[in-house]
Amino acid sequence: MNFKRVKYNPEKIIPVLIVCLLLSSCGERESEDRIIPQPYKGNLDRLASDLREARSGMEFILVKPGEFMMGSGEAEADRPAEHPRHRVTINRPYYLGKYEVTVDQFQAFVEDVGYRTDAEERGKASGWDGRRWGKKRGVNWKNPGFDQETDHPVVCVSLNDGRAFCRWLGDEYRLPSEAEWEYAARAGTDSAFYWGTGLEEVCRYANGGDLSAGRIFDGWNTSACDDGYAWTAPAGCYLPNRWGFYNMAGNAWEWCEDAWHGSFAGAPPDQGVWGEIGGGGRRVLKGGAWYFEPRDLRVAARNSHRAYEATNGAGFRVLRDISE
């Protein structure tokens, strides 16, 4: 790709960094040395609208350049981490996975290279069992704490695991930035949910807490519909958004490369990763999960975990870069 490395300094942070260094108190502050994608100079009309990766069988959809408003709208409840809303320009096209990475696709990677996930190495992962959230021993992608079929999204995988999977596919594959993810999820819409403004159709588009979950977990605040899945559901079993992407709401949180920031104050106006690419610390997840209340399955919803952390509600989706 055609990238230009620049020093991103929206709030004149140099003096702050000097003070941090002098006091040795910078902690886990992320480097703001960013790689900003340069405008695509190729012919968009020559790009295929979709493609399939041969080794994994994963399907990808072309996302063309454009602009969108990122973050929560005025009609949504006040959520500081999703404000201020800001305009983002997508100046380079990319291919994004049509579905979340599934159990069988991840298994093919593991068996090919003998990979062990962070949860396997640590002997535990975090999870929700319908009553409480906490770290659970023996929980990993093979045993997330509930039954899964091979076409369900893989969960209990960390950001590091997602990066390793992308390296297995090839140099042009990576995890998306938060802006790239949200742009594709909105698919030209500007509402809280990519299917509209209300929850009447939530079970047609998203796997969240519904009557299926309510029958198992007492006291859950669920939707009035029933999709038949209390835990994860097969990839692609709900309606897609306008651009053809499935499960961008619910089912499993999806890792993004961005470092976590408590708000969008000073956020970049482009599709590049906010924070050092490949860095550690807390990173962003998008999309919500199977245990989410329906009202929270909004496109702007954000979460974060450390790069090595795995939970039984988080997976990932892959992006494929496009060269000139």
Foldseek 3Di string as FASTA:
>chain_A
DDKDWDQQQLPVCVVVVVVCVVVVNCPQDFHQGFIFDDADPDDPVPDDQKDAQPPLRWIWGKDAWDKDWFFDDPVDPDAFARDDTDMATERFMWIWTLWAAFQQSLVSVCVVPVDDALCRVVQWAWEDPLPDIDIDGPDAQVCQPDDDDRQWHGFQHFLVSQQSSQVVSHDQKDFFALLVLLCVLCVPPDEQHNVDPDLPCCLQAEQAFAVLLCVVHPPAQADPDPNPDQFADGIPPHAGGPRNHGHLAARAWAFHQAARDSHCVSPDRYRIHRGDGPDWHKGKTFHYYNHDHSVQRTSNDIDIDTRRHTYSRHGHIMMGGDDD
